[in-house]
């Protein structure tokens, strides 16, 4: 992995969060029927991405 890859990946995840979190949250609320649970699930998913993607790379 190039030396600046973790920083680039972090910026990618941040941009993804800013651009897609509203849509993700709305979908999770619709599916789960609970705003608090949906927010928690979304944040856990982004935390998992921050932990996993630097090792495994960006998913297709």
PDB file of N, CA and C in Angstrom:
ATOM      1  N   UNK A   1       0.859  -1.183   0.000  1.00  0.00           N
ATOM      2  CA  UNK A   1       0.000   0.000   0.000  1.00  0.00           C
ATOM      3  C   UNK A   1       0.897   1.236   0.000  1.00  0.00           C
ATOM      4  N   UNK A   2       0.663   2.230  -0.872  1.00  0.00           N
ATOM      5  CA  UNK A   2       1.469   3.449  -0.894  1.00  0.00           C
ATOM      6  C   UNK A   2       1.411   4.171   0.445  1.00  0.00           C
ATOM      7  N   UNK A   3       2.448   4.955   0.774  1.00  0.00           N
ATOM      8  CA  UNK A   3       2.511   5.603   2.079  1.00  0.00           C
ATOM      9  C   UNK A   3       1.336   6.522   2.405  1.00  0.00           C
ATOM     10  N   UNK A   4       0.784   7.197   1.437  1.00  0.00           N
ATOM     11  CA  UNK A   4      -0.336   8.107   1.718  1.00  0.00           C
ATOM     12  C   UNK A   4      -1.699   7.434   1.546  1.00  0.00           C
ATOM     13  N   UNK A   5      -1.710   6.132   1.316  1.00  0.00           N
ATOM     14  CA  UNK A   5      -2.969   5.420   1.090  1.00  0.00           C
ATOM     15  C   UNK A   5      -3.925   5.509   2.269  1.00  0.00           C
ATOM     16  N   UNK A   6      -3.477   5.325   3.528  1.00  0.00           N
ATOM     17  CA  UNK A   6      -4.430   5.432   4.638  1.00  0.00           C
ATOM     18  C   UNK A   6      -5.092   6.818   4.702  1.00  0.00           C
ATOM     19  N   UNK A   7      -4.329   7.864   4.437  1.00  0.00           N
ATOM     20  CA  UNK A   7      -4.895   9.213   4.442  1.00  0.00           C
ATOM     21  C   UNK A   7      -5.892   9.386   3.303  1.00  0.00           C
ATOM     22  N   UNK A   8      -5.539   8.901   2.127  1.00  0.00           N
ATOM     23  CA  UNK A   8      -6.454   8.980   0.977  1.00  0.00           C
ATOM     24  C   UNK A   8      -7.722   8.186   1.245  1.00  0.00           C
ATOM     25  N   UNK A   9      -7.568   7.021   1.837  1.00  0.00           N
ATOM     26  CA  UNK A   9      -8.715   6.179   2.150  1.00  0.00           C
ATOM     27  C   UNK A   9      -9.615   6.845   3.176  1.00  0.00           C
ATOM     28  N   UNK A  10      -9.016   7.462   4.171  1.00  0.00           N
ATOM     29  CA  UNK A  10      -9.790   8.171   5.180  1.00  0.00           C
ATOM     30  C   UNK A  10     -10.597   9.303   4.543  1.00  0.00           C
ATOM     31  N   UNK A  11      -9.980  10.026   3.619  1.00  0.00           N
ATOM     32  CA  UNK A  11     -10.705  11.091   2.908  1.00  0.00           C
ATOM     33  C   UNK A  11     -11.821  10.521   2.042  1.00  0.00           C
ATOM     34  N   UNK A  12     -11.592   9.370   1.431  1.00  0.00           N
ATOM     35  CA  UNK A  12     -12.614   8.723   0.616  1.00  0.00           C
ATOM     36  C   UNK A  12     -13.811   8.331   1.471  1.00  0.00           C
ATOM     37  N   UNK A  13     -13.532   7.742   2.632  1.00  0.00           N
ATOM     38  CA  UNK A  13     -14.622   7.336   3.523  1.00  0.00           C
ATOM     39  C   UNK A  13     -15.362   8.565   4.043  1.00  0.00           C
ATOM     40  N   UNK A  14     -14.627   9.628   4.364  1.00  0.00           N
ATOM     41  CA  UNK A  14     -15.263  10.868   4.829  1.00  0.00           C
ATOM     42  C   UNK A  14     -16.172  11.457   3.747  1.00  0.00           C
ATOM     43  N   UNK A  15     -15.697  11.478   2.521  1.00  0.00           N
ATOM     44  CA  UNK A  15     -16.505  11.995   1.413  1.00  0.00           C
ATOM     45  C   UNK A  15     -17.736  11.116   1.192  1.00  0.00           C
ATOM     46  N   UNK A  16     -17.543   9.816   1.286  1.00  0.00           N
ATOM     47  CA  UNK A  16     -18.667   8.889   1.144  1.00  0.00           C
ATOM     48  C   UNK A  16     -19.702   9.125   2.238  1.00  0.00           C
ATOM     49  N   UNK A  17     -19.222   9.337   3.456  1.00  0.00           N
ATOM     50  CA  UNK A  17     -20.134   9.610   4.569  1.00  0.00           C
ATOM     51  C   UNK A  17     -20.931  10.886   4.302  1.00  0.00           C
ATOM     52  N   UNK A  18     -20.236  11.949   3.890  1.00  0.00           N
ATOM     53  CA  UNK A  18     -20.931  13.226   3.634  1.00  0.00           C
ATOM     54  C   UNK A  18     -21.947  13.111   2.508  1.00  0.00           C
ATOM     55  N   UNK A  19     -21.601  12.376   1.473  1.00  0.00           N
ATOM     56  CA  UNK A  19     -22.492  12.333   0.316  1.00  0.00           C
ATOM     57  C   UNK A  19     -23.612  11.298   0.433  1.00  0.00           C
ATOM     58  N   UNK A  20     -23.400  10.235   1.184  1.00  0.00           N
ATOM     59  CA  UNK A  20     -24.357   9.134   1.185  1.00  0.00           C
ATOM     60  C   UNK A  20     -25.026   8.849   2.520  1.00  0.00           C
ATOM     61  N   UNK A  21     -24.569   9.454   3.610  1.00  0.00           N
ATOM     62  CA  UNK A  21     -25.107   9.079   4.923  1.00  0.00           C
ATOM     63  C   UNK A  21     -26.599   9.364   5.057  1.00  0.00           C
ATOM     64  N   UNK A  22     -27.087  10.423   4.456  1.00  0.00           N
ATOM     65  CA  UNK A  22     -28.520  10.713   4.521  1.00  0.00           C
ATOM     66  C   UNK A  22     -29.357   9.625   3.874  1.00  0.00           C
ATOM     67  N   UNK A  23     -28.926   9.196   2.710  1.00  0.00           N
ATOM     68  CA  UNK A  23     -29.642   8.139   1.993  1.00  0.00           C
ATOM     69  C   UNK A  23     -29.529   6.806   2.739  1.00  0.00           C
ATOM     70  N   UNK A  24     -28.335   6.530   3.265  1.00  0.00           N
ATOM     71  CA  UNK A  24     -28.131   5.293   4.022  1.00  0.00           C
ATOM     72  C   UNK A  24     -29.018   5.289   5.263  1.00  0.00           C
ATOM     73  N   UNK A  25     -29.009   6.408   5.986  1.00  0.00           N
ATOM     74  CA  UNK A  25     -29.810   6.494   7.207  1.00  0.00           C
ATOM     75  C   UNK A  25     -31.301   6.337   6.892  1.00  0.00           C
ATOM     76  N   UNK A  26     -31.781   6.997   5.860  1.00  0.00           N
ATOM     77  CA  UNK A  26     -33.194   6.892   5.491  1.00  0.00           C
ATOM     78  C   UNK A  26     -33.565   5.450   5.155  1.00  0.00           C
ATOM     79  N   UNK A  27     -32.702   4.772   4.435  1.00  0.00           N
ATOM     80  CA  UNK A  27     -32.967   3.376   4.082  1.00  0.00           C
ATOM     81  C   UNK A  27     -32.996   2.498   5.322  1.00  0.00           C
ATOM     82  N   UNK A  28     -32.025   2.701   6.219  1.00  0.00           N
ATOM     83  CA  UNK A  28     -31.991   1.898   7.435  1.00  0.00           C
ATOM     84  C   UNK A  28     -33.193   2.168   8.333  1.00  0.00           C
ATOM     85  N   UNK A  29     -33.624   3.421   8.416  1.00  0.00           N
ATOM     86  CA  UNK A  29     -34.819   3.734   9.214  1.00  0.00           C
ATOM     87  C   UNK A  29     -36.028   3.024   8.632  1.00  0.00           C
ATOM     88  N   UNK A  30     -36.143   3.045   7.312  1.00  0.00           N
ATOM     89  CA  UNK A  30     -37.271   2.365   6.660  1.00  0.00           C
ATOM     90  C   UNK A  30     -37.224   0.869   6.918  1.00  0.00           C
ATOM     91  N   UNK A  31     -36.030   0.293   6.829  1.00  0.00           N
ATOM     92  CA  UNK A  31     -35.902  -1.154   7.017  1.00  0.00           C
ATOM     93  C   UNK A  31     -36.037  -1.576   8.479  1.00  0.00           C
ATOM     94  N   UNK A  32     -35.462  -0.784   9.385  1.00  0.00           N
ATOM     95  CA  UNK A  32     -35.435  -1.159  10.797  1.00  0.00           C
ATOM     96  C   UNK A  32     -36.582  -0.575  11.609  1.00  0.00           C
ATOM     97  N   UNK A  33     -37.139   0.536  11.122  1.00  0.00           N
ATOM     98  CA  UNK A  33     -38.253   1.162  11.823  1.00  0.00           C
ATOM     99  C   UNK A  33     -37.874   1.872  13.102  1.00  0.00           C
ATOM    100  N   UNK A  34     -36.576   2.185  13.269  1.00  0.00           N
ATOM    101  CA  UNK A  34     -36.117   2.808  14.502  1.00  0.00           C
ATOM    102  C   UNK A  34     -34.930   3.715  14.172  1.00  0.00           C
ATOM    103  N   UNK A  35     -35.089   5.014  14.420  1.00  0.00           N
ATOM    104  CA  UNK A  35     -34.047   5.979  14.078  1.00  0.00           C
ATOM    105  C   UNK A  35     -32.761   5.727  14.863  1.00  0.00           C
ATOM    106  N   UNK A  36     -32.868   5.511  16.159  1.00  0.00           N
ATOM    107  CA  UNK A  36     -31.665   5.295  16.970  1.00  0.00           C
ATOM    108  C   UNK A  36     -30.903   4.051  16.520  1.00  0.00           C
ATOM    109  N   UNK A  37     -31.620   2.985  16.270  1.00  0.00           N
ATOM    110  CA  UNK A  37     -30.992   1.750  15.806  1.00  0.00           C
ATOM    111  C   UNK A  37     -30.353   1.951  14.436  1.00  0.00           C
ATOM    112  N   UNK A  38     -31.026   2.683  13.569  1.00  0.00           N
ATOM    113  CA  UNK A  38     -30.501   2.958  12.230  1.00  0.00           C
ATOM    114  C   UNK A  38     -29.216   3.778  12.311  1.00  0.00           C
ATOM    115  N   UNK A  39     -29.206   4.808  13.158  1.00  0.00           N
ATOM    116  CA  UNK A  39     -27.999   5.631  13.316  1.00  0.00           C
ATOM    117  C   UNK A  39     -26.838   4.790  13.846  1.00  0.00           C
ATOM    118  N   UNK A  40     -27.127   3.962  14.826  1.00  0.00           N
ATOM    119  CA  UNK A  40     -26.085   3.115  15.403  1.00  0.00           C
ATOM    120  C   UNK A  40     -25.531   2.153  14.352  1.00  0.00           C
ATOM    121  N   UNK A  41     -26.409   1.538  13.582  1.00  0.00           N
ATOM    122  CA  UNK A  41     -25.977   0.603  12.542  1.00  0.00           C
ATOM    123  C   UNK A  41     -25.124   1.300  11.488  1.00  0.00           C
ATOM    124  N   UNK A  42     -25.527   2.490  11.075  1.00  0.00           N
ATOM    125  CA  UNK A  42     -24.776   3.223  10.070  1.00  0.00           C
ATOM    126  C   UNK A  42     -23.395   3.589  10.586  1.00  0.00           C
ATOM    127  N   UNK A  43     -23.324   4.083  11.809  1.00  0.00           N
ATOM    128  CA  UNK A  43     -22.035   4.478  12.364  1.00  0.00           C
ATOM    129  C   UNK A  43     -21.123   3.266  12.571  1.00  0.00           C
ATOM    130  N   UNK A  44     -21.683   2.156  12.960  1.00  0.00           N
ATOM    131  CA  UNK A  44     -20.887   0.935  13.102  1.00  0.00           C
ATOM    132  C   UNK A  44     -20.360   0.465  11.746  1.00  0.00           C
ATOM    133  N   UNK A  45     -21.164   0.616  10.716  1.00  0.00           N
ATOM    134  CA  UNK A  45     -20.727   0.221   9.380  1.00  0.00           C
ATOM    135  C   UNK A  45     -19.570   1.094   8.899  1.00  0.00           C
ATOM    136  N   UNK A  46     -19.663   2.400   9.127  1.00  0.00           N
ATOM    137  CA  UNK A  46     -18.564   3.286   8.735  1.00  0.00           C
ATOM    138  C   UNK A  46     -17.324   3.027   9.582  1.00  0.00           C
ATOM    139  N   UNK A  47     -17.488   2.728  10.852  1.00  0.00           N
ATOM    140  CA  UNK A  47     -16.348   2.391  11.705  1.00  0.00           C
ATOM    141  C   UNK A  47     -15.686   1.104  11.213  1.00  0.00           C
ATOM    142  N   UNK A  48     -16.487   0.149  10.805  1.00  0.00           N
ATOM    143  CA  UNK A  48     -15.942  -1.096  10.263  1.00  0.00           C
ATOM    144  C   UNK A  48     -15.177  -0.832   8.967  1.00  0.00           C
ATOM    145  N   UNK A  49     -15.686   0.068   8.149  1.00  0.00           N
ATOM    146  CA  UNK A  49     -14.984   0.423   6.910  1.00  0.00           C
ATOM    147  C   UNK A  49     -13.632   1.049   7.226  1.00  0.00           C
ATOM    148  N   UNK A  50     -13.593   1.939   8.206  1.00  0.00           N
ATOM    149  CA  UNK A  50     -12.332   2.575   8.579  1.00  0.00           C
ATOM    150  C   UNK A  50     -11.315   1.549   9.081  1.00  0.00           C
ATOM    151  N   UNK A  51     -11.791   0.501   9.698  1.00  0.00           N
ATOM    152  CA  UNK A  51     -10.905  -0.532  10.222  1.00  0.00           C
ATOM    153  C   UNK A  51     -10.503  -1.544   9.149  1.00  0.00           C
ATOM    154  N   UNK A  52     -11.440  -1.907   8.287  1.00  0.00           N
ATOM    155  CA  UNK A  52     -11.224  -3.003   7.342  1.00  0.00           C
ATOM    156  C   UNK A  52     -10.622  -2.559   6.010  1.00  0.00           C
ATOM    157  N   UNK A  53     -11.088  -1.473   5.463  1.00  0.00           N
ATOM    158  CA  UNK A  53     -10.664  -1.069   4.122  1.00  0.00           C
ATOM    159  C   UNK A  53      -9.165  -0.798   3.991  1.00  0.00           C
ATOM    160  N   UNK A  54      -8.498  -0.246   5.025  1.00  0.00           N
ATOM    161  CA  UNK A  54      -7.047  -0.067   4.861  1.00  0.00           C
ATOM    162  C   UNK A  54      -6.307  -1.396   4.658  1.00  0.00           C
ATOM    163  N   UNK A  55      -6.814  -2.462   5.220  1.00  0.00           N
ATOM    164  CA  UNK A  55      -6.173  -3.775   5.086  1.00  0.00           C
ATOM    165  C   UNK A  55      -6.633  -4.493   3.818  1.00  0.00           C
ATOM    166  N   UNK A  56      -7.926  -4.430   3.540  1.00  0.00           N
ATOM    167  CA  UNK A  56      -8.510  -5.217   2.451  1.00  0.00           C
ATOM    168  C   UNK A  56      -8.667  -4.425   1.152  1.00  0.00           C
ATOM    169  N   UNK A  57      -8.573  -3.114   1.229  1.00  0.00           N
ATOM    170  CA  UNK A  57      -8.796  -2.290   0.059  1.00  0.00           C
ATOM    171  C   UNK A  57     -10.271  -1.932  -0.089  1.00  0.00           C
ATOM    172  N   UNK A  58     -10.534  -0.985  -0.979  1.00  0.00           N
ATOM    173  CA  UNK A  58     -11.906  -0.555  -1.226  1.00  0.00           C
ATOM    174  C   UNK A  58     -12.687  -1.668  -1.902  1.00  0.00           C
ATOM    175  N   UNK A  59     -13.917  -1.887  -1.468  1.00  0.00           N
ATOM    176  CA  UNK A  59     -14.747  -2.881  -2.151  1.00  0.00           C
ATOM    177  C   UNK A  59     -15.168  -2.376  -3.535  1.00  0.00           C
ATOM    178  N   UNK A  60     -15.475  -3.309  -4.407  1.00  0.00           N
ATOM    179  CA  UNK A  60     -15.938  -2.930  -5.748  1.00  0.00           C
ATOM    180  C   UNK A  60     -17.270  -2.276  -5.620  1.00  0.00           C
TER     181      UNK A  60
END
